Amino acid sequence: MLFVIIGYDGPEGEAKRKIHRPAHLANLKPLDEQERVILAGPLTDKAGSLLVLDFETQEEAERFAHTDPYTVQGIFERVEVHPFMQVLPKPR
């Protein structure tokens, strides 16, 4: 099941992002290797990040979002997790 994770940056998000990016990407790597990352990246207006990831349950998605280094280290001051249905492009 797909989930959208939106992480909203706090006031020091941009500066902290540079420091903690390697840990954040390392946290995503196993999901990417399992082809569970549909897309992920920063919002270009510097408001935060958007991730679309595949998890079995809402609880698993929530746990991932709240334990990711960007959340733990204070880059994200707020995180939202929403179930998502992909229409286009057609899922693999």
PDB file of N, CA and C in Angstrom:
ATOM      1  N   MET A   1       0.848  -1.168   0.000  1.00  0.00           N
ATOM      2  CA  MET A   1       0.000   0.000   0.000  1.00  0.00           C
ATOM      3  C   MET A   1       0.897   1.235   0.000  1.00  0.00           C
ATOM      4  N   LEU A   2       0.519   2.218  -0.787  1.00  0.00           N
ATOM      5  CA  LEU A   2       1.348   3.420  -0.884  1.00  0.00           C
ATOM      6  C   LEU A   2       0.951   4.462   0.155  1.00  0.00           C
ATOM      7  N   PHE A   3       1.969   5.201   0.593  1.00  0.00           N
ATOM      8  CA  PHE A   3       1.775   6.286   1.554  1.00  0.00           C
ATOM      9  C   PHE A   3       2.583   7.494   1.108  1.00  0.00           C
ATOM     10  N   VAL A   4       1.976   8.659   1.267  1.00  0.00           N
ATOM     11  CA  VAL A   4       2.674   9.918   1.048  1.00  0.00           C
ATOM     12  C   VAL A   4       3.151  10.401   2.406  1.00  0.00           C
ATOM     13  N   ILE A   5       4.412  10.717   2.497  1.00  0.00           N
ATOM     14  CA  ILE A   5       4.978  11.306   3.707  1.00  0.00           C
ATOM     15  C   ILE A   5       5.425  12.705   3.335  1.00  0.00           C
ATOM     16  N   ILE A   6       4.890  13.691   4.045  1.00  0.00           N
ATOM     17  CA  ILE A   6       5.288  15.078   3.835  1.00  0.00           C
ATOM     18  C   ILE A   6       5.964  15.552   5.112  1.00  0.00           C
ATOM     19  N   GLY A   7       7.230  15.898   4.997  1.00  0.00           N
ATOM     20  CA  GLY A   7       7.983  16.432   6.127  1.00  0.00           C
ATOM     21  C   GLY A   7       8.171  17.919   5.933  1.00  0.00           C
ATOM     22  N   TYR A   8       7.696  18.704   6.899  1.00  0.00           N
ATOM     23  CA  TYR A   8       7.814  20.160   6.829  1.00  0.00           C
ATOM     24  C   TYR A   8       9.040  20.605   7.620  1.00  0.00           C
ATOM     25  N   ASP A   9       9.922  21.334   6.962  1.00  0.00           N
ATOM     26  CA  ASP A   9      11.156  21.778   7.607  1.00  0.00           C
ATOM     27  C   ASP A   9      10.894  22.787   8.715  1.00  0.00           C
ATOM     28  N   GLY A  10      11.701  22.658   9.775  1.00  0.00           N
ATOM     29  CA  GLY A  10      11.716  23.649  10.837  1.00  0.00           C
ATOM     30  C   GLY A  10      12.628  24.797  10.439  1.00  0.00           C
ATOM     31  N   PRO A  11      12.783  25.780  11.320  1.00  0.00           N
ATOM     32  CA  PRO A  11      13.577  26.967  11.009  1.00  0.00           C
ATOM     33  C   PRO A  11      15.033  26.673  10.638  1.00  0.00           C
ATOM     34  N   GLU A  12      15.604  25.607  11.192  1.00  0.00           N
ATOM     35  CA  GLU A  12      16.998  25.262  10.892  1.00  0.00           C
ATOM     36  C   GLU A  12      17.100  24.099   9.905  1.00  0.00           C
ATOM     37  N   GLY A  13      15.985  23.782   9.258  1.00  0.00           N
ATOM     38  CA  GLY A  13      15.938  22.628   8.371  1.00  0.00           C
ATOM     39  C   GLY A  13      16.974  22.650   7.270  1.00  0.00           C
ATOM     40  N   GLU A  14      17.101  23.775   6.606  1.00  0.00           N
ATOM     41  CA  GLU A  14      18.037  23.842   5.474  1.00  0.00           C
ATOM     42  C   GLU A  14      19.474  23.590   5.916  1.00  0.00           C
ATOM     43  N   ALA A  15      19.897  24.192   7.011  1.00  0.00           N
ATOM     44  CA  ALA A  15      21.277  24.015   7.500  1.00  0.00           C
ATOM     45  C   ALA A  15      21.498  22.586   8.007  1.00  0.00           C
ATOM     46  N   LYS A  16      20.533  22.038   8.748  1.00  0.00           N
ATOM     47  CA  LYS A  16      20.672  20.681   9.292  1.00  0.00           C
ATOM     48  C   LYS A  16      20.580  19.614   8.207  1.00  0.00           C
ATOM     49  N   ARG A  17      19.838  19.901   7.168  1.00  0.00           N
ATOM     50  CA  ARG A  17      19.641  18.941   6.078  1.00  0.00           C
ATOM     51  C   ARG A  17      20.991  18.504   5.496  1.00  0.00           C
ATOM     52  N   LYS A  18      21.906  19.443   5.317  1.00  0.00           N
ATOM     53  CA  LYS A  18      23.217  19.126   4.746  1.00  0.00           C
ATOM     54  C   LYS A  18      23.995  18.149   5.631  1.00  0.00           C
ATOM     55  N   ILE A  19      23.859  18.301   6.927  1.00  0.00           N
ATOM     56  CA  ILE A  19      24.584  17.456   7.873  1.00  0.00           C
ATOM     57  C   ILE A  19      24.016  16.039   7.916  1.00  0.00           C
ATOM     58  N   HIS A  20      22.693  15.919   7.903  1.00  0.00           N
ATOM     59  CA  HIS A  20      22.041  14.628   8.148  1.00  0.00           C
ATOM     60  C   HIS A  20      21.561  13.918   6.881  1.00  0.00           C
ATOM     61  N   ARG A  21      21.839  14.504   5.715  1.00  0.00           N
ATOM     62  CA  ARG A  21      21.407  13.886   4.456  1.00  0.00           C
ATOM     63  C   ARG A  21      21.962  12.469   4.274  1.00  0.00           C
ATOM     64  N   PRO A  22      23.247  12.203   4.544  1.00  0.00           N
ATOM     65  CA  PRO A  22      23.739  10.827   4.367  1.00  0.00           C
ATOM     66  C   PRO A  22      22.969   9.797   5.210  1.00  0.00           C
ATOM     67  N   ALA A  23      22.642  10.138   6.447  1.00  0.00           N
ATOM     68  CA  ALA A  23      21.897   9.204   7.303  1.00  0.00           C
ATOM     69  C   ALA A  23      20.465   9.024   6.788  1.00  0.00           C
ATOM     70  N   HIS A  24      19.857  10.095   6.318  1.00  0.00           N
ATOM     71  CA  HIS A  24      18.508  10.029   5.760  1.00  0.00           C
ATOM     72  C   HIS A  24      18.489   9.117   4.526  1.00  0.00           C
ATOM     73  N   LEU A  25      19.455   9.292   3.627  1.00  0.00           N
ATOM     74  CA  LEU A  25      19.522   8.459   2.432  1.00  0.00           C
ATOM     75  C   LEU A  25      19.836   7.007   2.780  1.00  0.00           C
ATOM     76  N   ALA A  26      20.682   6.788   3.780  1.00  0.00           N
ATOM     77  CA  ALA A  26      20.984   5.422   4.226  1.00  0.00           C
ATOM     78  C   ALA A  26      19.727   4.749   4.777  1.00  0.00           C
ATOM     79  N   ASN A  27      18.877   5.527   5.442  1.00  0.00           N
ATOM     80  CA  ASN A  27      17.623   4.992   5.973  1.00  0.00           C
ATOM     81  C   ASN A  27      16.674   4.588   4.851  1.00  0.00           C
ATOM     82  N   LEU A  28      16.708   5.309   3.735  1.00  0.00           N
ATOM     83  CA  LEU A  28      15.852   5.004   2.590  1.00  0.00           C
ATOM     84  C   LEU A  28      16.412   3.888   1.702  1.00  0.00           C
ATOM     85  N   LYS A  29      17.714   3.656   1.769  1.00  0.00           N
ATOM     86  CA  LYS A  29      18.368   2.711   0.854  1.00  0.00           C
ATOM     87  C   LYS A  29      17.743   1.309   0.854  1.00  0.00           C
ATOM     88  N   PRO A  30      17.474   0.702   2.013  1.00  0.00           N
ATOM     89  CA  PRO A  30      16.866  -0.640   1.964  1.00  0.00           C
ATOM     90  C   PRO A  30      15.507  -0.649   1.262  1.00  0.00           C
ATOM     91  N   LEU A  31      14.716   0.395   1.476  1.00  0.00           N
ATOM     92  CA  LEU A  31      13.421   0.470   0.797  1.00  0.00           C
ATOM     93  C   LEU A  31      13.616   0.642  -0.704  1.00  0.00           C
ATOM     94  N   ASP A  32      14.590   1.451  -1.088  1.00  0.00           N
ATOM     95  CA  ASP A  32      14.878   1.651  -2.505  1.00  0.00           C
ATOM     96  C   ASP A  32      15.337   0.346  -3.152  1.00  0.00           C
ATOM     97  N   GLU A  33      16.183  -0.389  -2.463  1.00  0.00           N
ATOM     98  CA  GLU A  33      16.668  -1.670  -2.988  1.00  0.00           C
ATOM     99  C   GLU A  33      15.528  -2.675  -3.153  1.00  0.00           C
ATOM    100  N   GLN A  34      14.495  -2.540  -2.339  1.00  0.00           N
ATOM    101  CA  GLN A  34      13.318  -3.416  -2.428  1.00  0.00           C
ATOM    102  C   GLN A  34      12.257  -2.840  -3.375  1.00  0.00           C
ATOM    103  N   GLU A  35      12.593  -1.761  -4.072  1.00  0.00           N
ATOM    104  CA  GLU A  35      11.691  -1.072  -5.006  1.00  0.00           C
ATOM    105  C   GLU A  35      10.412  -0.592  -4.331  1.00  0.00           C
ATOM    106  N   ARG A  36      10.562  -0.132  -3.081  1.00  0.00           N
ATOM    107  CA  ARG A  36       9.428   0.388  -2.324  1.00  0.00           C
ATOM    108  C   ARG A  36       9.425   1.917  -2.266  1.00  0.00           C
ATOM    109  N   VAL A  37      10.425   2.549  -2.878  1.00  0.00           N
ATOM    110  CA  VAL A  37      10.448   4.005  -3.001  1.00  0.00           C
ATOM    111  C   VAL A  37       9.898   4.337  -4.384  1.00  0.00           C
ATOM    112  N   ILE A  38       8.738   4.975  -4.403  1.00  0.00           N
ATOM    113  CA  ILE A  38       8.134   5.377  -5.669  1.00  0.00           C
ATOM    114  C   ILE A  38       8.751   6.691  -6.126  1.00  0.00           C
ATOM    115  N   LEU A  39       8.880   7.628  -5.199  1.00  0.00           N
ATOM    116  CA  LEU A  39       9.604   8.870  -5.442  1.00  0.00           C
ATOM    117  C   LEU A  39       9.914   9.513  -4.103  1.00  0.00           C
ATOM    118  N   ALA A  40      10.942  10.324  -4.095  1.00  0.00           N
ATOM    119  CA  ALA A  40      11.345  11.010  -2.866  1.00  0.00           C
ATOM    120  C   ALA A  40      12.236  12.178  -3.226  1.00  0.00           C
ATOM    121  N   GLY A  41      12.055  13.281  -2.512  1.00  0.00           N
ATOM    122  CA  GLY A  41      12.924  14.419  -2.746  1.00  0.00           C
ATOM    123  C   GLY A  41      12.440  15.656  -2.022  1.00  0.00           C
ATOM    124  N   PRO A  42      13.300  16.680  -2.022  1.00  0.00           N
ATOM    125  CA  PRO A  42      12.953  17.931  -1.350  1.00  0.00           C
ATOM    126  C   PRO A  42      12.009  18.769  -2.202  1.00  0.00           C
ATOM    127  N   LEU A  43      11.173  19.542  -1.538  1.00  0.00           N
ATOM    128  CA  LEU A  43      10.332  20.517  -2.224  1.00  0.00           C
ATOM    129  C   LEU A  43      11.224  21.703  -2.587  1.00  0.00           C
ATOM    130  N   THR A  44      11.156  22.172  -3.795  1.00  0.00           N
ATOM    131  CA  THR A  44      12.091  23.200  -4.251  1.00  0.00           C
ATOM    132  C   THR A  44      11.805  24.587  -3.680  1.00  0.00           C
ATOM    133  N   ASP A  45      10.678  24.745  -2.986  1.00  0.00           N
ATOM    134  CA  ASP A  45      10.435  26.016  -2.290  1.00  0.00           C
ATOM    135  C   ASP A  45      10.993  25.979  -0.868  1.00  0.00           C
ATOM    136  N   LYS A  46      11.717  24.888  -0.561  1.00  0.00           N
ATOM    137  CA  LYS A  46      12.394  24.690   0.730  1.00  0.00           C
ATOM    138  C   LYS A  46      11.427  24.553   1.910  1.00  0.00           C
ATOM    139  N   ALA A  47      10.202  24.125   1.611  1.00  0.00           N
ATOM    140  CA  ALA A  47       9.218  23.896   2.672  1.00  0.00           C
ATOM    141  C   ALA A  47       9.441  22.564   3.364  1.00  0.00           C
ATOM    142  N   GLY A  48      10.119  21.615   2.701  1.00  0.00           N
ATOM    143  CA  GLY A  48      10.320  20.291   3.286  1.00  0.00           C
ATOM    144  C   GLY A  48      10.582  19.262   2.218  1.00  0.00           C
ATOM    145  N   SER A  49      10.022  18.061   2.427  1.00  0.00           N
ATOM    146  CA  SER A  49      10.246  16.946   1.506  1.00  0.00           C
ATOM    147  C   SER A  49       8.959  16.164   1.295  1.00  0.00           C
ATOM    148  N   LEU A  50       8.908  15.469   0.158  1.00  0.00           N
ATOM    149  CA  LEU A  50       7.792  14.612  -0.188  1.00  0.00           C
ATOM    150  C   LEU A  50       8.334  13.233  -0.525  1.00  0.00           C
ATOM    151  N   LEU A  51       7.733  12.215   0.076  1.00  0.00           N
ATOM    152  CA  LEU A  51       8.125  10.841  -0.213  1.00  0.00           C
ATOM    153  C   LEU A  51       6.862  10.043  -0.494  1.00  0.00           C
ATOM    154  N   VAL A  52       6.924   9.176  -1.477  1.00  0.00           N
ATOM    155  CA  VAL A  52       5.854   8.213  -1.721  1.00  0.00           C
ATOM    156  C   VAL A  52       6.507   6.843  -1.597  1.00  0.00           C
ATOM    157  N   LEU A  53       6.086   6.113  -0.570  1.00  0.00           N
ATOM    158  CA  LEU A  53       6.729   4.847  -0.220  1.00  0.00           C
ATOM    159  C   LEU A  53       5.684   3.747  -0.075  1.00  0.00           C
ATOM    160  N   ASP A  54       6.114   2.519  -0.242  1.00  0.00           N
ATOM    161  CA  ASP A  54       5.242   1.355  -0.158  1.00  0.00           C
ATOM    162  C   ASP A  54       5.473   0.649   1.178  1.00  0.00           C
ATOM    163  N   PHE A  55       4.410   0.584   1.985  1.00  0.00           N
ATOM    164  CA  PHE A  55       4.449  -0.114   3.277  1.00  0.00           C
ATOM    165  C   PHE A  55       3.242  -1.027   3.381  1.00  0.00           C
ATOM    166  N   GLU A  56       3.327  -2.005   4.258  1.00  0.00           N
ATOM    167  CA  GLU A  56       2.211  -2.914   4.483  1.00  0.00           C
ATOM    168  C   GLU A  56       1.070  -2.238   5.237  1.00  0.00           C
ATOM    169  N   THR A  57       1.421  -1.370   6.201  1.00  0.00           N
ATOM    170  CA  THR A  57       0.406  -0.781   7.070  1.00  0.00           C
ATOM    171  C   THR A  57       0.685   0.696   7.333  1.00  0.00           C
ATOM    172  N   GLN A  58      -0.348   1.387   7.765  1.00  0.00           N
ATOM    173  CA  GLN A  58      -0.213   2.787   8.183  1.00  0.00           C
ATOM    174  C   GLN A  58       0.784   2.887   9.341  1.00  0.00           C
ATOM    175  N   GLU A  59       0.729   1.940  10.259  1.00  0.00           N
ATOM    176  CA  GLU A  59       1.624   1.954  11.417  1.00  0.00           C
ATOM    177  C   GLU A  59       3.083   1.860  10.985  1.00  0.00           C
ATOM    178  N   GLU A  60       3.370   1.019  10.000  1.00  0.00           N
ATOM    179  CA  GLU A  60       4.737   0.888   9.495  1.00  0.00           C
ATOM    180  C   GLU A  60       5.192   2.210   8.850  1.00  0.00           C
ATOM    181  N   ALA A  61       4.311   2.839   8.089  1.00  0.00           N
ATOM    182  CA  ALA A  61       4.633   4.121   7.454  1.00  0.00           C
ATOM    183  C   ALA A  61       4.872   5.194   8.513  1.00  0.00           C
ATOM    184  N   GLU A  62       4.024   5.237   9.530  1.00  0.00           N
ATOM    185  CA  GLU A  62       4.167   6.211  10.620  1.00  0.00           C
ATOM    186  C   GLU A  62       5.489   6.002  11.362  1.00  0.00           C
ATOM    187  N   ARG A  63       5.802   4.750  11.647  1.00  0.00           N
ATOM    188  CA  ARG A  63       7.048   4.432  12.366  1.00  0.00           C
ATOM    189  C   ARG A  63       8.255   4.896  11.558  1.00  0.00           C
ATOM    190  N   PHE A  64       8.238   4.608  10.251  1.00  0.00           N
ATOM    191  CA  PHE A  64       9.330   5.047   9.392  1.00  0.00           C
ATOM    192  C   PHE A  64       9.462   6.567   9.436  1.00  0.00           C
ATOM    193  N   ALA A  65       8.355   7.268   9.261  1.00  0.00           N
ATOM    194  CA  ALA A  65       8.373   8.735   9.208  1.00  0.00           C
ATOM    195  C   ALA A  65       8.895   9.343  10.505  1.00  0.00           C
ATOM    196  N   HIS A  66       8.514   8.760  11.634  1.00  0.00           N
ATOM    197  CA  HIS A  66       8.881   9.353  12.919  1.00  0.00           C
ATOM    198  C   HIS A  66      10.250   8.912  13.434  1.00  0.00           C
ATOM    199  N   THR A  67      10.852   7.917  12.776  1.00  0.00           N
ATOM    200  CA  THR A  67      12.196   7.492  13.178  1.00  0.00           C
ATOM    201  C   THR A  67      13.265   7.860  12.146  1.00  0.00           C
ATOM    202  N   ASP A  68      12.844   8.451  11.033  1.00  0.00           N
ATOM    203  CA  ASP A  68      13.813   8.877  10.015  1.00  0.00           C
ATOM    204  C   ASP A  68      14.739   9.948  10.598  1.00  0.00           C
ATOM    205  N   PRO A  69      16.014   9.932  10.234  1.00  0.00           N
ATOM    206  CA  PRO A  69      16.945  10.938  10.753  1.00  0.00           C
ATOM    207  C   PRO A  69      16.492  12.384  10.555  1.00  0.00           C
ATOM    208  N   TYR A  70      15.802  12.682   9.475  1.00  0.00           N
ATOM    209  CA  TYR A  70      15.338  14.057   9.283  1.00  0.00           C
ATOM    210  C   TYR A  70      14.320  14.463  10.347  1.00  0.00           C
ATOM    211  N   THR A  71      13.529  13.531  10.820  1.00  0.00           N
ATOM    212  CA  THR A  71      12.574  13.832  11.897  1.00  0.00           C
ATOM    213  C   THR A  71      13.302  13.870  13.235  1.00  0.00           C
ATOM    214  N   VAL A  72      14.088  12.842  13.504  1.00  0.00           N
ATOM    215  CA  VAL A  72      14.790  12.722  14.792  1.00  0.00           C
ATOM    216  C   VAL A  72      15.742  13.892  15.017  1.00  0.00           C
ATOM    217  N   GLN A  73      16.423  14.337  13.966  1.00  0.00           N
ATOM    218  CA  GLN A  73      17.420  15.404  14.106  1.00  0.00           C
ATOM    219  C   GLN A  73      16.832  16.813  13.960  1.00  0.00           C
ATOM    220  N   GLY A  74      15.512  16.915  13.802  1.00  0.00           N
ATOM    221  CA  GLY A  74      14.869  18.216  13.805  1.00  0.00           C
ATOM    222  C   GLY A  74      14.837  18.964  12.488  1.00  0.00           C
ATOM    223  N   ILE A  75      15.167  18.284  11.388  1.00  0.00           N
ATOM    224  CA  ILE A  75      15.010  18.927  10.094  1.00  0.00           C
ATOM    225  C   ILE A  75      13.521  19.128   9.848  1.00  0.00           C
ATOM    226  N   PHE A  76      12.746  18.058  10.047  1.00  0.00           N
ATOM    227  CA  PHE A  76      11.293  18.150   9.950  1.00  0.00           C
ATOM    228  C   PHE A  76      10.743  18.544  11.316  1.00  0.00           C
ATOM    229  N   GLU A  77       9.978  19.634  11.340  1.00  0.00           N
ATOM    230  CA  GLU A  77       9.310  19.997  12.589  1.00  0.00           C
ATOM    231  C   GLU A  77       7.926  19.373  12.657  1.00  0.00           C
ATOM    232  N   ARG A  78       7.427  18.938  11.492  1.00  0.00           N
ATOM    233  CA  ARG A  78       6.114  18.294  11.445  1.00  0.00           C
ATOM    234  C   ARG A  78       6.110  17.304  10.290  1.00  0.00           C
ATOM    235  N   VAL A  79       5.496  16.148  10.519  1.00  0.00           N
ATOM    236  CA  VAL A  79       5.430  15.104   9.500  1.00  0.00           C
ATOM    237  C   VAL A  79       3.979  14.639   9.376  1.00  0.00           C
ATOM    238  N   GLU A  80       3.522  14.513   8.131  1.00  0.00           N
ATOM    239  CA  GLU A  80       2.191  13.968   7.852  1.00  0.00           C
ATOM    240  C   GLU A  80       2.357  12.681   7.055  1.00  0.00           C
ATOM    241  N   VAL A  81       1.522  11.698   7.361  1.00  0.00           N
ATOM    242  CA  VAL A  81       1.525  10.428   6.634  1.00  0.00           C
ATOM    243  C   VAL A  81       0.093  10.170   6.167  1.00  0.00           C
ATOM    244  N   HIS A  82      -0.060   9.964   4.852  1.00  0.00           N
ATOM    245  CA  HIS A  82      -1.382   9.757   4.270  1.00  0.00           C
ATOM    246  C   HIS A  82      -1.372   8.547   3.345  1.00  0.00           C
ATOM    247  N   PRO A  83      -2.403   7.688   3.408  1.00  0.00           N
ATOM    248  CA  PRO A  83      -2.526   6.621   2.415  1.00  0.00           C
ATOM    249  C   PRO A  83      -2.716   7.259   1.037  1.00  0.00           C
ATOM    250  N   PHE A  84      -2.219   6.583   0.021  1.00  0.00           N
ATOM    251  CA  PHE A  84      -2.207   7.167  -1.321  1.00  0.00           C
ATOM    252  C   PHE A  84      -2.552   6.103  -2.356  1.00  0.00           C
ATOM    253  N   MET A  85      -3.348   6.488  -3.366  1.00  0.00           N
ATOM    254  CA  MET A  85      -3.658   5.596  -4.468  1.00  0.00           C
ATOM    255  C   MET A  85      -3.057   6.187  -5.739  1.00  0.00           C
ATOM    256  N   GLN A  86      -2.114   5.489  -6.304  1.00  0.00           N
ATOM    257  CA  GLN A  86      -1.484   5.931  -7.550  1.00  0.00           C
ATOM    258  C   GLN A  86      -2.391   5.592  -8.729  1.00  0.00           C
ATOM    259  N   VAL A  87      -2.669   6.608  -9.555  1.00  0.00           N
ATOM    260  CA  VAL A  87      -3.465   6.414 -10.754  1.00  0.00           C
ATOM    261  C   VAL A  87      -2.565   6.455 -11.993  1.00  0.00           C
ATOM    262  N   LEU A  88      -1.696   7.478 -12.062  1.00  0.00           N
ATOM    263  CA  LEU A  88      -0.769   7.627 -13.167  1.00  0.00           C
ATOM    264  C   LEU A  88       0.605   8.024 -12.645  1.00  0.00           C
ATOM    265  N   PRO A  89       1.670   7.620 -13.277  1.00  0.00           N
ATOM    266  CA  PRO A  89       1.631   6.573 -14.276  1.00  0.00           C
ATOM    267  C   PRO A  89       1.153   5.260 -13.657  1.00  0.00           C
ATOM    268  N   LYS A  90       0.720   4.375 -14.481  1.00  0.00           N
ATOM    269  CA  LYS A  90       0.200   3.105 -13.973  1.00  0.00           C
ATOM    270  C   LYS A  90       1.269   2.412 -13.138  1.00  0.00           C
ATOM    271  N   PRO A  91       0.876   1.917 -11.952  1.00  0.00           N
ATOM    272  CA  PRO A  91       1.852   1.240 -11.080  1.00  0.00           C
ATOM    273  C   PRO A  91       2.519   0.068 -11.790  1.00  0.00           C
ATOM    274  N   ARG A  92       3.772  -0.186 -11.379  1.00  0.00           N
ATOM    275  CA  ARG A  92       4.549  -1.302 -11.946  1.00  0.00           C
ATOM    276  C   ARG A  92       3.945  -2.627 -11.575  1.00  0.00           C
TER     277      ARG A  92
END
